[in-house]
């Protein structure tokens, strides 16, 4: 059902600081891992970006269970039937766009997180010569790249449909909605802690101080 046109929408806080930091750090790690993937000289950088991406996903899983309203997986978990119903409603212009992730976006998040974990796990096994089939790691990486491109395209299209920039929303955390739909606080402390931990882990891996991962 479409939103009531009589209800006045305004910018509200939807994405907390940890979600935004996670999002852009994961983008950085995935791009960094892809750029350094073909260079032996930059192998430690590749490992640092890759393992950091894996840790980010694990931390995102934790925040998806205990985080703020729209960060929680329960806020965008949808069955295939519900997702198809949303898609049909969207195509006919009758959908009420959720403030957080819509069902299609929710499935994309599951796919991206799973693909990153599979890419990191296969990379670890390959680097330690437990796995010798390098096409598997490369295949997961290419699949992840395809999902990222699809995610970007979907964000642009949905931003046009919703008449707001979803990319900017992931920077400042605000989307259009009703005041009662806003999250209560941005969680600056958790976001800062996440950033500090990830920078520390990245540097430790880069300098070879976590031999279980790099030796």
C-alpha atoms as a PDB file:
ATOM      1  CA  UNK A   1       0.000   0.000   0.000  1.00  0.00           C
ATOM      2  CA  UNK A   2       1.387   3.428  -0.907  1.00  0.00           C
ATOM      3  CA  UNK A   3       2.209   5.933   1.815  1.00  0.00           C
ATOM      4  CA  UNK A   4      -0.509   8.416   2.825  1.00  0.00           C
ATOM      5  CA  UNK A   5       0.190  11.606   0.823  1.00  0.00           C
ATOM      6  CA  UNK A   6      -1.202  13.662   3.734  1.00  0.00           C
ATOM      7  CA  UNK A   7       1.658  12.564   5.983  1.00  0.00           C
ATOM      8  CA  UNK A   8       4.500  15.081   5.808  1.00  0.00           C
ATOM      9  CA  UNK A   9       7.895  13.422   5.591  1.00  0.00           C
ATOM     10  CA  UNK A  10      11.121  14.951   6.846  1.00  0.00           C
ATOM     11  CA  UNK A  11      14.815  13.972   7.087  1.00  0.00           C
ATOM     12  CA  UNK A  12      15.259  11.507   9.942  1.00  0.00           C
ATOM     13  CA  UNK A  13      18.230   9.511  11.217  1.00  0.00           C
ATOM     14  CA  UNK A  14      18.043   5.955   9.856  1.00  0.00           C
ATOM     15  CA  UNK A  15      21.596   4.618   9.508  1.00  0.00           C
ATOM     16  CA  UNK A  16      23.686   4.708  12.672  1.00  0.00           C
ATOM     17  CA  UNK A  17      27.411   5.506  12.666  1.00  0.00           C
ATOM     18  CA  UNK A  18      28.597   1.862  12.960  1.00  0.00           C
ATOM     19  CA  UNK A  19      26.539   0.869   9.887  1.00  0.00           C
ATOM     20  CA  UNK A  20      27.920   3.765   7.866  1.00  0.00           C
ATOM     21  CA  UNK A  21      31.519   3.096   8.909  1.00  0.00           C
ATOM     22  CA  UNK A  22      31.103  -0.602   8.216  1.00  0.00           C
ATOM     23  CA  UNK A  23      29.681   0.125   4.771  1.00  0.00           C
ATOM     24  CA  UNK A  24      32.478   2.427   3.613  1.00  0.00           C
ATOM     25  CA  UNK A  25      35.269   0.396   5.213  1.00  0.00           C
ATOM     26  CA  UNK A  26      33.973  -2.714   3.450  1.00  0.00           C
ATOM     27  CA  UNK A  27      33.900  -0.817   0.158  1.00  0.00           C
ATOM     28  CA  UNK A  28      37.500   0.273   0.777  1.00  0.00           C
ATOM     29  CA  UNK A  29      38.645  -3.238   1.670  1.00  0.00           C
ATOM     30  CA  UNK A  30      36.955  -4.878  -1.311  1.00  0.00           C
ATOM     31  CA  UNK A  31      38.342  -2.320  -3.761  1.00  0.00           C
ATOM     32  CA  UNK A  32      41.777  -2.525  -2.137  1.00  0.00           C
ATOM     33  CA  UNK A  33      41.819  -6.324  -2.278  1.00  0.00           C
ATOM     34  CA  UNK A  34      40.768  -6.269  -5.927  1.00  0.00           C
ATOM     35  CA  UNK A  35      43.414  -3.679  -6.910  1.00  0.00           C
ATOM     36  CA  UNK A  36      46.226  -5.607  -5.162  1.00  0.00           C
ATOM     37  CA  UNK A  37      45.142  -9.098  -6.203  1.00  0.00           C
ATOM     38  CA  UNK A  38      47.551  -9.528  -9.112  1.00  0.00           C
ATOM     39  CA  UNK A  39      50.730  -8.196  -7.498  1.00  0.00           C
ATOM     40  CA  UNK A  40      53.164 -10.365  -5.533  1.00  0.00           C
ATOM     41  CA  UNK A  41      54.826  -7.185  -4.257  1.00  0.00           C
ATOM     42  CA  UNK A  42      51.526  -6.029  -2.750  1.00  0.00           C
ATOM     43  CA  UNK A  43      50.523  -9.421  -1.331  1.00  0.00           C
ATOM     44  CA  UNK A  44      50.590  -8.193   2.300  1.00  0.00           C
ATOM     45  CA  UNK A  45      48.299  -5.346   1.316  1.00  0.00           C
ATOM     46  CA  UNK A  46      46.000  -7.827  -0.397  1.00  0.00           C
ATOM     47  CA  UNK A  47      45.929  -9.989   2.732  1.00  0.00           C
ATOM     48  CA  UNK A  48      45.329  -6.985   4.977  1.00  0.00           C
ATOM     49  CA  UNK A  49      42.413  -5.764   2.863  1.00  0.00           C
ATOM     50  CA  UNK A  50      40.968  -9.267   2.526  1.00  0.00           C
ATOM     51  CA  UNK A  51      41.156 -10.330   6.163  1.00  0.00           C
ATOM     52  CA  UNK A  52      39.896  -6.935   7.286  1.00  0.00           C
ATOM     53  CA  UNK A  53      36.866  -7.388   5.026  1.00  0.00           C
ATOM     54  CA  UNK A  54      36.196 -10.743   6.664  1.00  0.00           C
ATOM     55  CA  UNK A  55      36.440  -9.263  10.161  1.00  0.00           C
ATOM     56  CA  UNK A  56      34.132  -6.435   9.152  1.00  0.00           C
ATOM     57  CA  UNK A  57      31.484  -8.920   8.064  1.00  0.00           C
ATOM     58  CA  UNK A  58      31.753 -10.813  11.354  1.00  0.00           C
ATOM     59  CA  UNK A  59      31.385  -7.571  13.316  1.00  0.00           C
ATOM     60  CA  UNK A  60      28.440  -6.589  11.102  1.00  0.00           C
ATOM     61  CA  UNK A  61      26.764  -9.875  11.998  1.00  0.00           C
ATOM     62  CA  UNK A  62      27.097  -8.990  15.675  1.00  0.00           C
ATOM     63  CA  UNK A  63      25.701  -5.502  15.098  1.00  0.00           C
ATOM     64  CA  UNK A  64      22.948  -7.030  12.994  1.00  0.00           C
ATOM     65  CA  UNK A  65      21.797  -8.863  16.116  1.00  0.00           C
ATOM     66  CA  UNK A  66      22.200  -6.169  18.779  1.00  0.00           C
ATOM     67  CA  UNK A  67      22.418  -2.893  16.859  1.00  0.00           C
ATOM     68  CA  UNK A  68      19.947  -0.092  16.263  1.00  0.00           C
ATOM     69  CA  UNK A  69      16.535  -0.530  14.655  1.00  0.00           C
ATOM     70  CA  UNK A  70      17.433  -0.566  10.960  1.00  0.00           C
ATOM     71  CA  UNK A  71      20.852  -2.141  11.481  1.00  0.00           C
ATOM     72  CA  UNK A  72      19.255  -5.344  12.760  1.00  0.00           C
ATOM     73  CA  UNK A  73      18.773  -8.207  10.340  1.00  0.00           C
ATOM     74  CA  UNK A  74      15.262  -8.678  11.688  1.00  0.00           C
ATOM     75  CA  UNK A  75      14.295  -5.296  10.214  1.00  0.00           C
ATOM     76  CA  UNK A  76      14.837  -6.478   6.631  1.00  0.00           C
ATOM     77  CA  UNK A  77      14.469 -10.253   6.822  1.00  0.00           C
ATOM     78  CA  UNK A  78      11.816 -11.223   4.269  1.00  0.00           C
ATOM     79  CA  UNK A  79      10.505 -14.481   2.859  1.00  0.00           C
ATOM     80  CA  UNK A  80      10.624 -15.068  -0.925  1.00  0.00           C
ATOM     81  CA  UNK A  81       6.842 -14.632  -1.012  1.00  0.00           C
ATOM     82  CA  UNK A  82       7.055 -11.240   0.730  1.00  0.00           C
ATOM     83  CA  UNK A  83       9.866 -10.169  -1.575  1.00  0.00           C
ATOM     84  CA  UNK A  84       7.904 -11.054  -4.707  1.00  0.00           C
ATOM     85  CA  UNK A  85       4.862  -9.236  -3.346  1.00  0.00           C
ATOM     86  CA  UNK A  86       6.988  -6.123  -2.739  1.00  0.00           C
ATOM     87  CA  UNK A  87       8.466  -6.354  -6.246  1.00  0.00           C
ATOM     88  CA  UNK A  88       5.020  -6.597  -7.831  1.00  0.00           C
ATOM     89  CA  UNK A  89       3.779  -3.647  -5.778  1.00  0.00           C
ATOM     90  CA  UNK A  90       6.842  -1.587  -6.692  1.00  0.00           C
ATOM     91  CA  UNK A  91       6.450  -2.269 -10.415  1.00  0.00           C
ATOM     92  CA  UNK A  92       2.808  -1.150 -10.281  1.00  0.00           C
ATOM     93  CA  UNK A  93       3.591   1.942  -8.193  1.00  0.00           C
ATOM     94  CA  UNK A  94       1.664   0.741  -5.148  1.00  0.00           C
ATOM     95  CA  UNK A  95       4.540  -0.073  -2.801  1.00  0.00           C
ATOM     96  CA  UNK A  96       5.202   1.755   0.462  1.00  0.00           C
ATOM     97  CA  UNK A  97       9.005   2.039   0.482  1.00  0.00           C
ATOM     98  CA  UNK A  98      10.481   1.030   3.851  1.00  0.00           C
ATOM     99  CA  UNK A  99      12.643   3.566   5.663  1.00  0.00           C
ATOM    100  CA  UNK A 100      15.407   0.966   6.051  1.00  0.00           C
ATOM    101  CA  UNK A 101      16.308  -1.751   3.561  1.00  0.00           C
ATOM    102  CA  UNK A 102      13.464  -2.999   1.401  1.00  0.00           C
ATOM    103  CA  UNK A 103      13.081  -6.787   0.892  1.00  0.00           C
ATOM    104  CA  UNK A 104      15.141  -6.756  -2.311  1.00  0.00           C
ATOM    105  CA  UNK A 105      17.903  -4.790  -0.612  1.00  0.00           C
ATOM    106  CA  UNK A 106      17.772  -7.171   2.314  1.00  0.00           C
ATOM    107  CA  UNK A 107      18.458 -10.173   0.094  1.00  0.00           C
ATOM    108  CA  UNK A 108      21.307  -8.278  -1.548  1.00  0.00           C
ATOM    109  CA  UNK A 109      22.883  -7.651   1.867  1.00  0.00           C
ATOM    110  CA  UNK A 110      22.722 -11.376   2.700  1.00  0.00           C
ATOM    111  CA  UNK A 111      24.310 -12.227  -0.650  1.00  0.00           C
ATOM    112  CA  UNK A 112      27.102  -9.666  -0.315  1.00  0.00           C
ATOM    113  CA  UNK A 113      28.035 -10.640   3.238  1.00  0.00           C
ATOM    114  CA  UNK A 114      28.023 -14.341   2.365  1.00  0.00           C
ATOM    115  CA  UNK A 115      30.122 -13.771  -0.746  1.00  0.00           C
ATOM    116  CA  UNK A 116      32.725 -11.740   1.163  1.00  0.00           C
ATOM    117  CA  UNK A 117      33.061 -14.489   3.769  1.00  0.00           C
ATOM    118  CA  UNK A 118      33.407 -17.172   1.098  1.00  0.00           C
ATOM    119  CA  UNK A 119      35.996 -15.101  -0.745  1.00  0.00           C
ATOM    120  CA  UNK A 120      38.039 -14.533   2.408  1.00  0.00           C
ATOM    121  CA  UNK A 121      37.783 -18.158   3.518  1.00  0.00           C
ATOM    122  CA  UNK A 122      38.829 -19.511   0.115  1.00  0.00           C
ATOM    123  CA  UNK A 123      41.662 -16.970   0.002  1.00  0.00           C
ATOM    124  CA  UNK A 124      42.937 -18.125   3.394  1.00  0.00           C
ATOM    125  CA  UNK A 125      42.872 -21.777   2.308  1.00  0.00           C
ATOM    126  CA  UNK A 126      44.578 -20.935  -0.965  1.00  0.00           C
ATOM    127  CA  UNK A 127      47.306 -18.820   0.646  1.00  0.00           C
ATOM    128  CA  UNK A 128      48.088 -21.585   3.152  1.00  0.00           C
ATOM    129  CA  UNK A 129      48.048 -24.195   0.372  1.00  0.00           C
ATOM    130  CA  UNK A 130      45.172 -26.112   1.957  1.00  0.00           C
ATOM    131  CA  UNK A 131      43.262 -25.386  -1.223  1.00  0.00           C
ATOM    132  CA  UNK A 132      44.999 -25.502  -4.600  1.00  0.00           C
ATOM    133  CA  UNK A 133      42.083 -24.583  -6.848  1.00  0.00           C
ATOM    134  CA  UNK A 134      42.630 -20.843  -7.229  1.00  0.00           C
ATOM    135  CA  UNK A 135      39.665 -20.521  -9.605  1.00  0.00           C
ATOM    136  CA  UNK A 136      37.349 -20.977  -6.620  1.00  0.00           C
ATOM    137  CA  UNK A 137      38.740 -17.923  -4.830  1.00  0.00           C
ATOM    138  CA  UNK A 138      38.743 -15.901  -8.029  1.00  0.00           C
ATOM    139  CA  UNK A 139      35.204 -17.029  -8.797  1.00  0.00           C
ATOM    140  CA  UNK A 140      33.895 -15.843  -5.428  1.00  0.00           C
ATOM    141  CA  UNK A 141      35.767 -12.552  -5.876  1.00  0.00           C
ATOM    142  CA  UNK A 142      34.251 -11.994  -9.330  1.00  0.00           C
ATOM    143  CA  UNK A 143      30.809 -12.875  -8.028  1.00  0.00           C
ATOM    144  CA  UNK A 144      31.288 -10.342  -5.248  1.00  0.00           C
ATOM    145  CA  UNK A 145      32.275  -7.692  -7.785  1.00  0.00           C
ATOM    146  CA  UNK A 146      29.141  -8.440  -9.779  1.00  0.00           C
ATOM    147  CA  UNK A 147      27.002  -8.138  -6.653  1.00  0.00           C
ATOM    148  CA  UNK A 148      28.634  -4.828  -5.761  1.00  0.00           C
ATOM    149  CA  UNK A 149      27.898  -3.421  -9.228  1.00  0.00           C
ATOM    150  CA  UNK A 150      24.310  -4.665  -8.991  1.00  0.00           C
ATOM    151  CA  UNK A 151      24.028  -3.105  -5.531  1.00  0.00           C
ATOM    152  CA  UNK A 152      25.254   0.260  -6.817  1.00  0.00           C
ATOM    153  CA  UNK A 153      22.864   0.131  -9.779  1.00  0.00           C
ATOM    154  CA  UNK A 154      19.968  -0.774  -7.497  1.00  0.00           C
ATOM    155  CA  UNK A 155      20.830   2.089  -5.125  1.00  0.00           C
ATOM    156  CA  UNK A 156      20.765   4.550  -8.030  1.00  0.00           C
ATOM    157  CA  UNK A 157      17.469   3.213  -9.382  1.00  0.00           C
ATOM    158  CA  UNK A 158      15.765   3.051  -5.989  1.00  0.00           C
ATOM    159  CA  UNK A 159      17.056   6.509  -5.157  1.00  0.00           C
ATOM    160  CA  UNK A 160      15.358   7.760  -8.320  1.00  0.00           C
ATOM    161  CA  UNK A 161      12.146   5.913  -7.446  1.00  0.00           C
ATOM    162  CA  UNK A 162      12.146   7.219  -3.861  1.00  0.00           C
ATOM    163  CA  UNK A 163      13.317  10.688  -4.984  1.00  0.00           C
ATOM    164  CA  UNK A 164      16.290  10.795  -2.604  1.00  0.00           C
ATOM    165  CA  UNK A 165      19.980   9.939  -2.802  1.00  0.00           C
ATOM    166  CA  UNK A 166      20.617   6.605  -1.105  1.00  0.00           C
ATOM    167  CA  UNK A 167      24.378   7.066  -1.510  1.00  0.00           C
ATOM    168  CA  UNK A 168      24.274  10.352   0.403  1.00  0.00           C
ATOM    169  CA  UNK A 169      22.028   8.710   2.985  1.00  0.00           C
ATOM    170  CA  UNK A 170      24.813   6.232   3.723  1.00  0.00           C
ATOM    171  CA  UNK A 171      27.117   9.218   4.351  1.00  0.00           C
ATOM    172  CA  UNK A 172      24.992  11.365   6.635  1.00  0.00           C
ATOM    173  CA  UNK A 173      22.606   8.639   7.805  1.00  0.00           C
ATOM    174  CA  UNK A 174      19.370  10.463   7.032  1.00  0.00           C
ATOM    175  CA  UNK A 175      16.427   9.531   4.838  1.00  0.00           C
ATOM    176  CA  UNK A 176      12.931  10.892   4.433  1.00  0.00           C
ATOM    177  CA  UNK A 177      10.420   9.542   6.920  1.00  0.00           C
ATOM    178  CA  UNK A 178       8.177  10.308   9.856  1.00  0.00           C
ATOM    179  CA  UNK A 179       9.715  11.468  13.166  1.00  0.00           C
ATOM    180  CA  UNK A 180       8.610   8.325  15.010  1.00  0.00           C
ATOM    181  CA  UNK A 181      10.502   6.189  12.486  1.00  0.00           C
ATOM    182  CA  UNK A 182      13.892   7.686  13.387  1.00  0.00           C
ATOM    183  CA  UNK A 183      16.434   5.743  15.440  1.00  0.00           C
ATOM    184  CA  UNK A 184      17.056   7.143  18.913  1.00  0.00           C
ATOM    185  CA  UNK A 185      20.805   7.761  18.719  1.00  0.00           C
ATOM    186  CA  UNK A 186      23.686   7.525  16.247  1.00  0.00           C
ATOM    187  CA  UNK A 187      26.009   5.356  18.389  1.00  0.00           C
ATOM    188  CA  UNK A 188      29.137   7.478  17.914  1.00  0.00           C
ATOM    189  CA  UNK A 189      31.124   5.552  20.534  1.00  0.00           C
ATOM    190  CA  UNK A 190      30.535   2.168  18.902  1.00  0.00           C
ATOM    191  CA  UNK A 191      31.343   3.617  15.482  1.00  0.00           C
ATOM    192  CA  UNK A 192      34.603   5.141  16.742  1.00  0.00           C
ATOM    193  CA  UNK A 193      35.571   1.867  18.417  1.00  0.00           C
ATOM    194  CA  UNK A 194      34.859  -0.022  15.195  1.00  0.00           C
ATOM    195  CA  UNK A 195      37.072   2.339  13.203  1.00  0.00           C
ATOM    196  CA  UNK A 196      39.944   2.136  15.720  1.00  0.00           C
ATOM    197  CA  UNK A 197      39.805  -1.665  15.900  1.00  0.00           C
ATOM    198  CA  UNK A 198      39.749  -2.055  12.134  1.00  0.00           C
ATOM    199  CA  UNK A 199      42.681   0.323  11.571  1.00  0.00           C
ATOM    200  CA  UNK A 200      44.665  -1.496  14.272  1.00  0.00           C
ATOM    201  CA  UNK A 201      43.938  -4.945  12.807  1.00  0.00           C
ATOM    202  CA  UNK A 202      44.726  -3.762   9.270  1.00  0.00           C
ATOM    203  CA  UNK A 203      48.135  -2.400  10.331  1.00  0.00           C
ATOM    204  CA  UNK A 204      48.930  -5.526  12.360  1.00  0.00           C
ATOM    205  CA  UNK A 205      48.198  -7.766   9.362  1.00  0.00           C
ATOM    206  CA  UNK A 206      50.097  -5.478   7.001  1.00  0.00           C
ATOM    207  CA  UNK A 207      53.184  -5.661   9.230  1.00  0.00           C
ATOM    208  CA  UNK A 208      52.955  -9.445   9.517  1.00  0.00           C
ATOM    209  CA  UNK A 209      52.206  -9.401  13.239  1.00  0.00           C
ATOM    210  CA  UNK A 210      49.397 -11.939  12.926  1.00  0.00           C
ATOM    211  CA  UNK A 211      51.355 -14.941  11.607  1.00  0.00           C
ATOM    212  CA  UNK A 212      48.372 -17.257  11.858  1.00  0.00           C
ATOM    213  CA  UNK A 213      46.923 -15.323   8.937  1.00  0.00           C
ATOM    214  CA  UNK A 214      49.974 -14.326   6.923  1.00  0.00           C
ATOM    215  CA  UNK A 215      52.617 -17.008   7.469  1.00  0.00           C
END
